[in-house]
PDB file of all heavy atoms in Angstrom:
ATOM      1  N   LEU A   1       0.828  -1.200   0.000  1.00  0.00           N
ATOM      2  CA  LEU A   1       0.000   0.000   0.000  1.00  0.00           C
ATOM      3  C   LEU A   1       0.868   1.258   0.000  1.00  0.00           C
ATOM      4  O   LEU A   1       1.882   1.312   0.696  1.00  0.00           O
ATOM      5  CB  LEU A   1      -0.913   0.020   1.225  1.00  0.00           C
ATOM      6  CG  LEU A   1      -2.017  -1.043   1.288  1.00  0.00           C
ATOM      7  CD1 LEU A   1      -2.839  -0.870   2.555  1.00  0.00           C
ATOM      8  CD2 LEU A   1      -2.910  -0.977   0.055  1.00  0.00           C
ATOM      9  N   PRO A   2       0.476   2.275  -0.765  1.00  0.00           N
ATOM     10  CA  PRO A   2       1.224   3.550  -0.729  1.00  0.00           C
ATOM     11  C   PRO A   2       1.026   4.261   0.604  1.00  0.00           C
ATOM     12  O   PRO A   2      -0.024   4.128   1.243  1.00  0.00           O
ATOM     13  CB  PRO A   2       0.602   4.337  -1.881  1.00  0.00           C
ATOM     14  CG  PRO A   2      -0.778   3.773  -2.040  1.00  0.00           C
ATOM     15  CD  PRO A   2      -0.665   2.321  -1.689  1.00  0.00           C
ATOM     16  N   LYS A   3       2.047   4.992   1.021  1.00  0.00           N
ATOM     17  CA  LYS A   3       1.979   5.692   2.309  1.00  0.00           C
ATOM     18  C   LYS A   3       2.517   7.117   2.168  1.00  0.00           C
ATOM     19  O   LYS A   3       3.065   7.677   3.112  1.00  0.00           O
ATOM     20  CB  LYS A   3       2.777   4.928   3.369  1.00  0.00           C
ATOM     21  CG  LYS A   3       2.417   3.462   3.513  1.00  0.00           C
ATOM     22  CD  LYS A   3       3.315   2.758   4.492  1.00  0.00           C
ATOM     23  CE  LYS A   3       3.065   1.257   4.543  1.00  0.00           C
ATOM     24  NZ  LYS A   3       3.451   0.562   3.299  1.00  0.00           N
ATOM     25  N   THR A   4       2.328   7.688   0.999  1.00  0.00           N
ATOM     26  CA  THR A   4       2.914   8.993   0.713  1.00  0.00           C
ATOM     27  C   THR A   4       2.058  10.136   1.240  1.00  0.00           C
ATOM     28  O   THR A   4       2.550  11.036   1.933  1.00  0.00           O
ATOM     29  CB  THR A   4       3.124   9.170  -0.800  1.00  0.00           C
ATOM     30  OG1 THR A   4       3.925   8.095  -1.284  1.00  0.00           O
ATOM     31  CG2 THR A   4       3.832  10.497  -1.088  1.00  0.00           C
ATOM     32  N   THR A   5       0.772  10.094   0.945  1.00  0.00           N
ATOM     33  CA  THR A   5      -0.112  11.189   1.337  1.00  0.00           C
ATOM     34  C   THR A   5      -0.725  10.927   2.704  1.00  0.00           C
ATOM     35  O   THR A   5      -0.717   9.796   3.210  1.00  0.00           O
ATOM     36  CB  THR A   5      -1.238  11.376   0.312  1.00  0.00           C
ATOM     37  OG1 THR A   5      -2.107  10.233   0.365  1.00  0.00           O
ATOM     38  CG2 THR A   5      -0.666  11.508  -1.101  1.00  0.00           C
ATOM     39  N   GLU A   6      -1.295  11.972   3.285  1.00  0.00           N
ATOM     40  CA  GLU A   6      -1.953  11.829   4.579  1.00  0.00           C
ATOM     41  C   GLU A   6      -3.128  10.861   4.483  1.00  0.00           C
ATOM     42  O   GLU A   6      -3.355  10.051   5.388  1.00  0.00           O
ATOM     43  CB  GLU A   6      -2.439  13.191   5.070  1.00  0.00           C
ATOM     44  CG  GLU A   6      -3.117  13.172   6.432  1.00  0.00           C
ATOM     45  CD  GLU A   6      -2.184  12.738   7.553  1.00  0.00           C
ATOM     46  OE1 GLU A   6      -0.944  12.837   7.378  1.00  0.00           O
ATOM     47  OE2 GLU A   6      -2.687  12.287   8.603  1.00  0.00           O
ATOM     48  N   ALA A   7      -3.880  10.935   3.389  1.00  0.00           N
ATOM     49  CA  ALA A   7      -5.019  10.033   3.211  1.00  0.00           C
ATOM     50  C   ALA A   7      -4.561   8.582   3.135  1.00  0.00           C
ATOM     51  O   ALA A   7      -5.199   7.687   3.711  1.00  0.00           O
ATOM     52  CB  ALA A   7      -5.778  10.406   1.942  1.00  0.00           C
ATOM     53  N   GLU A   8      -3.452   8.339   2.467  1.00  0.00           N
ATOM     54  CA  GLU A   8      -2.924   6.975   2.362  1.00  0.00           C
ATOM     55  C   GLU A   8      -2.435   6.475   3.718  1.00  0.00           C
ATOM     56  O   GLU A   8      -2.653   5.311   4.075  1.00  0.00           O
ATOM     57  CB  GLU A   8      -1.790   6.947   1.333  1.00  0.00           C
ATOM     58  CG  GLU A   8      -2.277   7.152  -0.099  1.00  0.00           C
ATOM     59  CD  GLU A   8      -1.151   7.428  -1.067  1.00  0.00           C
ATOM     60  OE1 GLU A   8      -0.017   7.737  -0.623  1.00  0.00           O
ATOM     61  OE2 GLU A   8      -1.394   7.348  -2.291  1.00  0.00           O
ATOM     62  N   ARG A   9      -1.810   7.350   4.466  1.00  0.00           N
ATOM     63  CA  ARG A   9      -1.335   6.947   5.789  1.00  0.00           C
ATOM     64  C   ARG A   9      -2.500   6.665   6.736  1.00  0.00           C
ATOM     65  O   ARG A   9      -2.420   5.780   7.594  1.00  0.00           O
ATOM     66  CB  ARG A   9      -0.416   8.031   6.369  1.00  0.00           C
ATOM     67  CG  ARG A   9       0.942   8.103   5.681  1.00  0.00           C
ATOM     68  CD  ARG A   9       1.909   8.976   6.456  1.00  0.00           C
ATOM     69  NE  ARG A   9       1.531  10.388   6.397  1.00  0.00           N
ATOM     70  CZ  ARG A   9       1.936  11.231   5.451  1.00  0.00           C
ATOM     71  NH1 ARG A   9       2.723  10.807   4.458  1.00  0.00           N
ATOM     72  NH2 ARG A   9       1.571  12.496   5.473  1.00  0.00           N
ATOM     73  N   LEU A  10      -3.602   7.402   6.572  1.00  0.00           N
ATOM     74  CA  LEU A  10      -4.781   7.154   7.404  1.00  0.00           C
ATOM     75  C   LEU A  10      -5.403   5.796   7.093  1.00  0.00           C
ATOM     76  O   LEU A  10      -5.925   5.119   7.989  1.00  0.00           O
ATOM     77  CB  LEU A  10      -5.808   8.271   7.205  1.00  0.00           C
ATOM     78  CG  LEU A  10      -5.470   9.607   7.862  1.00  0.00           C
ATOM     79  CD1 LEU A  10      -6.476  10.673   7.459  1.00  0.00           C
ATOM     80  CD2 LEU A  10      -5.410   9.473   9.390  1.00  0.00           C
ATOM     81  N   ILE A  11      -5.351   5.386   5.829  1.00  0.00           N
ATOM     82  CA  ILE A  11      -5.860   4.068   5.446  1.00  0.00           C
ATOM     83  C   ILE A  11      -5.040   2.976   6.126  1.00  0.00           C
ATOM     84  O   ILE A  11      -5.579   2.011   6.679  1.00  0.00           O
ATOM     85  CB  ILE A  11      -5.834   3.898   3.913  1.00  0.00           C
ATOM     86  CG1 ILE A  11      -6.878   4.821   3.268  1.00  0.00           C
ATOM     87  CG2 ILE A  11      -6.093   2.446   3.527  1.00  0.00           C
ATOM     88  CD1 ILE A  11      -6.810   4.851   1.755  1.00  0.00           C
ATOM     89  N   VAL A  12      -3.711   3.140   6.097  1.00  0.00           N
ATOM     90  CA  VAL A  12      -2.823   2.177   6.749  1.00  0.00           C
ATOM     91  C   VAL A  12      -3.094   2.134   8.258  1.00  0.00           C
ATOM     92  O   VAL A  12      -3.144   1.065   8.873  1.00  0.00           O
ATOM     93  CB  VAL A  12      -1.351   2.533   6.464  1.00  0.00           C
ATOM     94  CG1 VAL A  12      -0.409   1.697   7.326  1.00  0.00           C
ATOM     95  CG2 VAL A  12      -1.031   2.328   4.983  1.00  0.00           C
ATOM     96  N   GLN A  13      -3.286   3.310   8.843  1.00  0.00           N
ATOM     97  CA  GLN A  13      -3.570   3.374  10.275  1.00  0.00           C
ATOM     98  C   GLN A  13      -4.870   2.667  10.613  1.00  0.00           C
ATOM     99  O   GLN A  13      -4.955   1.944  11.611  1.00  0.00           O
ATOM    100  CB  GLN A  13      -3.630   4.831  10.737  1.00  0.00           C
ATOM    101  CG  GLN A  13      -3.951   4.987  12.221  1.00  0.00           C
ATOM    102  CD  GLN A  13      -3.893   6.439  12.672  1.00  0.00           C
ATOM    103  OE1 GLN A  13      -3.145   7.239  12.129  1.00  0.00           O
ATOM    104  NE2 GLN A  13      -4.704   6.783  13.663  1.00  0.00           N
ATOM    105  N   ARG A  14      -5.877   2.862   9.779  1.00  0.00           N
ATOM    106  CA  ARG A  14      -7.170   2.225  10.023  1.00  0.00           C
ATOM    107  C   ARG A  14      -7.042   0.707   9.956  1.00  0.00           C
ATOM    108  O   ARG A  14      -7.633  -0.014  10.779  1.00  0.00           O
ATOM    109  CB  ARG A  14      -8.201   2.719   8.993  1.00  0.00           C
ATOM    110  CG  ARG A  14      -9.548   1.993   9.031  1.00  0.00           C
ATOM    111  CD  ARG A  14     -10.149   1.974  10.410  1.00  0.00           C
ATOM    112  NE  ARG A  14     -10.384   3.306  10.935  1.00  0.00           N
ATOM    113  CZ  ARG A  14     -10.794   3.566  12.165  1.00  0.00           C
ATOM    114  NH1 ARG A  14     -10.973   2.567  13.017  1.00  0.00           N
ATOM    115  NH2 ARG A  14     -10.985   4.803  12.563  1.00  0.00           N
ATOM    116  N   ILE A  15      -6.266   0.201   9.020  1.00  0.00           N
ATOM    117  CA  ILE A  15      -6.037  -1.243   8.928  1.00  0.00           C
ATOM    118  C   ILE A  15      -5.390  -1.737  10.214  1.00  0.00           C
ATOM    119  O   ILE A  15      -5.786  -2.760  10.791  1.00  0.00           O
ATOM    120  CB  ILE A  15      -5.163  -1.581   7.704  1.00  0.00           C
ATOM    121  CG1 ILE A  15      -5.947  -1.309   6.415  1.00  0.00           C
ATOM    122  CG2 ILE A  15      -4.692  -3.033   7.751  1.00  0.00           C
ATOM    123  CD1 ILE A  15      -5.102  -1.411   5.155  1.00  0.00           C
ATOM    124  N   GLY A  16      -4.378  -1.010  10.680  1.00  0.00           N
ATOM    125  CA  GLY A  16      -3.706  -1.382  11.916  1.00  0.00           C
ATOM    126  C   GLY A  16      -4.642  -1.365  13.112  1.00  0.00           C
ATOM    127  O   GLY A  16      -4.601  -2.259  13.970  1.00  0.00           O
ATOM    128  N   GLN A  17      -5.486  -0.354  13.181  1.00  0.00           N
ATOM    129  CA  GLN A  17      -6.412  -0.255  14.308  1.00  0.00           C
ATOM    130  C   GLN A  17      -7.447  -1.377  14.297  1.00  0.00           C
ATOM    131  O   GLN A  17      -7.843  -1.886  15.349  1.00  0.00           O
ATOM    132  CB  GLN A  17      -7.077   1.117  14.302  1.00  0.00           C
ATOM    133  CG  GLN A  17      -6.122   2.248  14.675  1.00  0.00           C
ATOM    134  CD  GLN A  17      -6.713   3.623  14.475  1.00  0.00           C
ATOM    135  OE1 GLN A  17      -7.651   3.806  13.695  1.00  0.00           O
ATOM    136  NE2 GLN A  17      -6.166   4.612  15.166  1.00  0.00           N
ATOM    137  N   ASP A  18      -7.877  -1.773  13.097  1.00  0.00           N
ATOM    138  CA  ASP A  18      -8.824  -2.888  13.006  1.00  0.00           C
ATOM    139  C   ASP A  18      -8.179  -4.199  13.456  1.00  0.00           C
ATOM    140  O   ASP A  18      -8.806  -5.015  14.152  1.00  0.00           O
ATOM    141  CB  ASP A  18      -9.334  -3.029  11.567  1.00  0.00           C
ATOM    142  CG  ASP A  18     -10.298  -1.911  11.169  1.00  0.00           C
ATOM    143  OD1 ASP A  18     -10.785  -1.207  12.069  1.00  0.00           O
ATOM    144  OD2 ASP A  18     -10.526  -1.738   9.956  1.00  0.00           O
ATOM    145  N   ILE A  19      -6.920  -4.416  13.074  1.00  0.00           N
ATOM    146  CA  ILE A  19      -6.197  -5.617  13.495  1.00  0.00           C
ATOM    147  C   ILE A  19      -5.991  -5.594  15.008  1.00  0.00           C
ATOM    148  O   ILE A  19      -6.141  -6.614  15.688  1.00  0.00           O
ATOM    149  CB  ILE A  19      -4.852  -5.715  12.745  1.00  0.00           C
ATOM    150  CG1 ILE A  19      -5.092  -5.984  11.256  1.00  0.00           C
ATOM    151  CG2 ILE A  19      -3.959  -6.800  13.356  1.00  0.00           C
ATOM    152  CD1 ILE A  19      -3.844  -5.903  10.401  1.00  0.00           C
ATOM    153  N   PHE A  20      -5.648  -4.425  15.529  1.00  0.00           N
ATOM    154  CA  PHE A  20      -5.449  -4.269  16.974  1.00  0.00           C
ATOM    155  C   PHE A  20      -6.735  -4.589  17.729  1.00  0.00           C
ATOM    156  O   PHE A  20      -6.718  -5.308  18.734  1.00  0.00           O
ATOM    157  CB  PHE A  20      -4.996  -2.836  17.251  1.00  0.00           C
ATOM    158  CG  PHE A  20      -4.721  -2.528  18.696  1.00  0.00           C
ATOM    159  CD1 PHE A  20      -3.634  -3.083  19.346  1.00  0.00           C
ATOM    160  CD2 PHE A  20      -5.541  -1.654  19.403  1.00  0.00           C
ATOM    161  CE1 PHE A  20      -3.362  -2.784  20.679  1.00  0.00           C
ATOM    162  CE2 PHE A  20      -5.273  -1.348  20.731  1.00  0.00           C
ATOM    163  CZ  PHE A  20      -4.182  -1.915  21.365  1.00  0.00           C
ATOM    164  N   ARG A  21      -7.852  -4.089  17.254  1.00  0.00           N
ATOM    165  CA  ARG A  21      -9.139  -4.357  17.900  1.00  0.00           C
ATOM    166  C   ARG A  21      -9.454  -5.853  17.886  1.00  0.00           C
ATOM    167  O   ARG A  21      -9.872  -6.410  18.907  1.00  0.00           O
ATOM    168  CB  ARG A  21     -10.251  -3.581  17.191  1.00  0.00           C
ATOM    169  CG  ARG A  21     -11.659  -3.922  17.682  1.00  0.00           C
ATOM    170  CD  ARG A  21     -12.716  -3.114  16.932  1.00  0.00           C
ATOM    171  NE  ARG A  21     -14.055  -3.613  17.199  1.00  0.00           N
ATOM    172  CZ  ARG A  21     -14.763  -3.328  18.293  1.00  0.00           C
ATOM    173  NH1 ARG A  21     -14.262  -2.546  19.221  1.00  0.00           N
ATOM    174  NH2 ARG A  21     -15.985  -3.822  18.439  1.00  0.00           N
ATOM    175  N   SER A  22      -9.236  -6.483  16.754  1.00  0.00           N
ATOM    176  CA  SER A  22      -9.493  -7.920  16.658  1.00  0.00           C
ATOM    177  C   SER A  22      -8.621  -8.695  17.647  1.00  0.00           C
ATOM    178  O   SER A  22      -9.084  -9.635  18.302  1.00  0.00           O
ATOM    179  CB  SER A  22      -9.227  -8.402  15.226  1.00  0.00           C
ATOM    180  OG  SER A  22      -9.420  -9.790  15.107  1.00  0.00           O
ATOM    181  N   GLY A  23      -7.350  -8.271  17.762  1.00  0.00           N
ATOM    182  CA  GLY A  23      -6.455  -8.922  18.708  1.00  0.00           C
ATOM    183  C   GLY A  23      -6.904  -8.743  20.145  1.00  0.00           C
ATOM    184  O   GLY A  23      -6.844  -9.682  20.951  1.00  0.00           O
ATOM    185  N   LEU A  24      -7.377  -7.546  20.494  1.00  0.00           N
ATOM    186  CA  LEU A  24      -7.858  -7.302  21.856  1.00  0.00           C
ATOM    187  C   LEU A  24      -9.116  -8.111  22.158  1.00  0.00           C
ATOM    188  O   LEU A  24      -9.292  -8.600  23.275  1.00  0.00           O
ATOM    189  CB  LEU A  24      -8.134  -5.820  22.065  1.00  0.00           C
ATOM    190  CG  LEU A  24      -6.927  -4.892  22.233  1.00  0.00           C
ATOM    191  CD1 LEU A  24      -7.395  -3.477  22.514  1.00  0.00           C
ATOM    192  CD2 LEU A  24      -6.011  -5.368  23.348  1.00  0.00           C
ATOM    193  N   ILE A  25      -9.990  -8.257  21.185  1.00  0.00           N
ATOM    194  CA  ILE A  25     -11.207  -9.052  21.394  1.00  0.00           C
ATOM    195  C   ILE A  25     -10.833 -10.492  21.716  1.00  0.00           C
ATOM    196  O   ILE A  25     -11.412 -11.122  22.610  1.00  0.00           O
ATOM    197  CB  ILE A  25     -12.133  -8.956  20.173  1.00  0.00           C
ATOM    198  CG1 ILE A  25     -12.766  -7.555  20.107  1.00  0.00           C
ATOM    199  CG2 ILE A  25     -13.222 -10.024  20.226  1.00  0.00           C
ATOM    200  CD1 ILE A  25     -13.579  -7.295  18.852  1.00  0.00           C
ATOM    201  N   ASP A  26      -9.840 -11.021  20.996  1.00  0.00           N
ATOM    202  CA  ASP A  26      -9.370 -12.370  21.305  1.00  0.00           C
ATOM    203  C   ASP A  26      -8.726 -12.417  22.683  1.00  0.00           C
ATOM    204  O   ASP A  26      -9.026 -13.299  23.495  1.00  0.00           O
ATOM    205  CB  ASP A  26      -8.360 -12.839  20.247  1.00  0.00           C
ATOM    206  CG  ASP A  26      -9.023 -13.357  18.987  1.00  0.00           C
ATOM    207  OD1 ASP A  26     -10.149 -13.870  19.078  1.00  0.00           O
ATOM    208  OD2 ASP A  26      -8.418 -13.252  17.905  1.00  0.00           O
ATOM    209  N   TYR A  27      -7.832 -11.479  22.944  1.00  0.00           N
ATOM    210  CA  TYR A  27      -7.062 -11.517  24.185  1.00  0.00           C
ATOM    211  C   TYR A  27      -7.972 -11.412  25.416  1.00  0.00           C
ATOM    212  O   TYR A  27      -7.789 -12.144  26.392  1.00  0.00           O
ATOM    213  CB  TYR A  27      -6.044 -10.382  24.197  1.00  0.00           C
ATOM    214  CG  TYR A  27      -5.137 -10.393  25.409  1.00  0.00           C
ATOM    215  CD1 TYR A  27      -3.978 -11.153  25.413  1.00  0.00           C
ATOM    216  CD2 TYR A  27      -5.461  -9.667  26.559  1.00  0.00           C
ATOM    217  CE1 TYR A  27      -3.150 -11.180  26.531  1.00  0.00           C
ATOM    218  CE2 TYR A  27      -4.642  -9.698  27.678  1.00  0.00           C
ATOM    219  CZ  TYR A  27      -3.492 -10.454  27.659  1.00  0.00           C
ATOM    220  OH  TYR A  27      -2.682 -10.485  28.770  1.00  0.00           O
ATOM    221  N   TRP A  28      -8.936 -10.486  25.364  1.00  0.00           N
ATOM    222  CA  TRP A  28      -9.824 -10.266  26.506  1.00  0.00           C
ATOM    223  C   TRP A  28     -11.095 -11.113  26.425  1.00  0.00           C
ATOM    224  O   TRP A  28     -12.045 -10.889  27.167  1.00  0.00           O
ATOM    225  CB  TRP A  28     -10.168  -8.790  26.635  1.00  0.00           C
ATOM    226  CG  TRP A  28      -8.974  -7.941  26.970  1.00  0.00           C
ATOM    227  CD1 TRP A  28      -8.279  -7.122  26.120  1.00  0.00           C
ATOM    228  CD2 TRP A  28      -8.313  -7.844  28.232  1.00  0.00           C
ATOM    229  NE1 TRP A  28      -7.233  -6.525  26.769  1.00  0.00           N
ATOM    230  CE2 TRP A  28      -7.221  -6.943  28.077  1.00  0.00           C
ATOM    231  CE3 TRP A  28      -8.537  -8.418  29.481  1.00  0.00           C
ATOM    232  CZ2 TRP A  28      -6.368  -6.617  29.125  1.00  0.00           C
ATOM    233  CZ3 TRP A  28      -7.681  -8.102  30.521  1.00  0.00           C
ATOM    234  CH2 TRP A  28      -6.611  -7.201  30.346  1.00  0.00           C
ATOM    235  N   GLN A  29     -11.099 -12.073  25.524  1.00  0.00           N
ATOM    236  CA  GLN A  29     -12.197 -13.036  25.386  1.00  0.00           C
ATOM    237  C   GLN A  29     -13.543 -12.350  25.156  1.00  0.00           C
ATOM    238  O   GLN A  29     -14.581 -12.772  25.675  1.00  0.00           O
ATOM    239  CB  GLN A  29     -12.246 -13.971  26.606  1.00  0.00           C
ATOM    240  CG  GLN A  29     -10.949 -14.749  26.798  1.00  0.00           C
ATOM    241  CD  GLN A  29     -10.982 -15.660  27.993  1.00  0.00           C
ATOM    242  OE1 GLN A  29     -11.640 -16.698  27.975  1.00  0.00           O
ATOM    243  NE2 GLN A  29     -10.267 -15.285  29.055  1.00  0.00           N
ATOM    244  N   GLY A  30     -13.491 -11.261  24.401  1.00  0.00           N
ATOM    245  CA  GLY A  30     -14.718 -10.621  23.946  1.00  0.00           C
ATOM    246  C   GLY A  30     -15.504  -9.875  24.996  1.00  0.00           C
ATOM    247  O   GLY A  30     -16.704  -9.634  24.806  1.00  0.00           O
ATOM    248  N   GLN A  31     -14.859  -9.481  26.105  1.00  0.00           N
ATOM    249  CA  GLN A  31     -15.608  -8.720  27.102  1.00  0.00           C
ATOM    250  C   GLN A  31     -14.738  -7.673  27.773  1.00  0.00           C
ATOM    251  O   GLN A  31     -13.519  -7.839  27.870  1.00  0.00           O
ATOM    252  CB  GLN A  31     -16.216  -9.634  28.151  1.00  0.00           C
ATOM    253  CG  GLN A  31     -15.225 -10.273  29.102  1.00  0.00           C
ATOM    254  CD  GLN A  31     -15.929 -11.046  30.217  1.00  0.00           C
ATOM    255  OE1 GLN A  31     -17.094 -11.425  30.086  1.00  0.00           O
ATOM    256  NE2 GLN A  31     -15.243 -11.272  31.313  1.00  0.00           N
ATOM    257  N   CYS A  32     -15.365  -6.611  28.198  1.00  0.00           N
ATOM    258  CA  CYS A  32     -14.677  -5.593  28.976  1.00  0.00           C
ATOM    259  C   CYS A  32     -14.329  -6.196  30.329  1.00  0.00           C
ATOM    260  O   CYS A  32     -15.225  -6.638  31.055  1.00  0.00           O
ATOM    261  CB  CYS A  32     -15.581  -4.368  29.146  1.00  0.00           C
ATOM    262  SG  CYS A  32     -14.967  -3.161  30.350  1.00  0.00           S
ATOM    263  N   PRO A  33     -13.056  -6.230  30.708  1.00  0.00           N
ATOM    264  CA  PRO A  33     -12.689  -6.872  31.967  1.00  0.00           C
ATOM    265  C   PRO A  33     -13.179  -6.132  33.206  1.00  0.00           C
ATOM    266  O   PRO A  33     -13.258  -6.715  34.286  1.00  0.00           O
ATOM    267  CB  PRO A  33     -11.158  -6.901  31.903  1.00  0.00           C
ATOM    268  CG  PRO A  33     -10.790  -5.775  30.996  1.00  0.00           C
ATOM    269  CD  PRO A  33     -11.890  -5.717  29.978  1.00  0.00           C
ATOM    270  N   LEU A  34     -13.513  -4.859  33.052  1.00  0.00           N
ATOM    271  CA  LEU A  34     -14.027  -4.080  34.185  1.00  0.00           C
ATOM    272  C   LEU A  34     -15.506  -4.330  34.443  1.00  0.00           C
ATOM    273  O   LEU A  34     -15.935  -4.514  35.579  1.00  0.00           O
ATOM    274  CB  LEU A  34     -13.836  -2.590  33.916  1.00  0.00           C
ATOM    275  CG  LEU A  34     -12.516  -1.929  34.266  1.00  0.00           C
ATOM    276  CD1 LEU A  34     -12.528  -0.510  33.747  1.00  0.00           C
ATOM    277  CD2 LEU A  34     -12.267  -1.955  35.762  1.00  0.00           C
ATOM    278  N   THR A  35     -16.278  -4.311  33.369  1.00  0.00           N
ATOM    279  CA  THR A  35     -17.732  -4.327  33.506  1.00  0.00           C
ATOM    280  C   THR A  35     -18.375  -5.656  33.142  1.00  0.00           C
ATOM    281  O   THR A  35     -19.525  -5.895  33.497  1.00  0.00           O
ATOM    282  CB  THR A  35     -18.352  -3.246  32.605  1.00  0.00           C
ATOM    283  OG1 THR A  35     -18.060  -3.570  31.229  1.00  0.00           O
ATOM    284  CG2 THR A  35     -17.768  -1.872  32.925  1.00  0.00           C
ATOM    285  N   GLY A  36     -17.648  -6.485  32.400  1.00  0.00           N
ATOM    286  CA  GLY A  36     -18.228  -7.733  31.939  1.00  0.00           C
ATOM    287  C   GLY A  36     -19.084  -7.588  30.697  1.00  0.00           C
ATOM    288  O   GLY A  36     -19.665  -8.568  30.218  1.00  0.00           O
ATOM    289  N   ILE A  37     -19.182  -6.391  30.137  1.00  0.00           N
ATOM    290  CA  ILE A  37     -19.993  -6.159  28.934  1.00  0.00           C
ATOM    291  C   ILE A  37     -19.417  -6.943  27.761  1.00  0.00           C
ATOM    292  O   ILE A  37     -18.206  -6.895  27.501  1.00  0.00           O
ATOM    293  CB  ILE A  37     -20.057  -4.655  28.602  1.00  0.00           C
ATOM    294  CG1 ILE A  37     -20.927  -3.935  29.644  1.00  0.00           C
ATOM    295  CG2 ILE A  37     -20.613  -4.421  27.193  1.00  0.00           C
ATOM    296  CD1 ILE A  37     -20.946  -2.433  29.487  1.00  0.00           C
TER     297      ILE A  37
END
């Protein structure tokens, strides 16, 4: 993926954030550890 422009870098960041979220859902077994939600 290109990473030259700000828009391109935001796309890369969004991909990273989606992967990070998926990893956290697995790690925390799909629930907020504070509230149980």
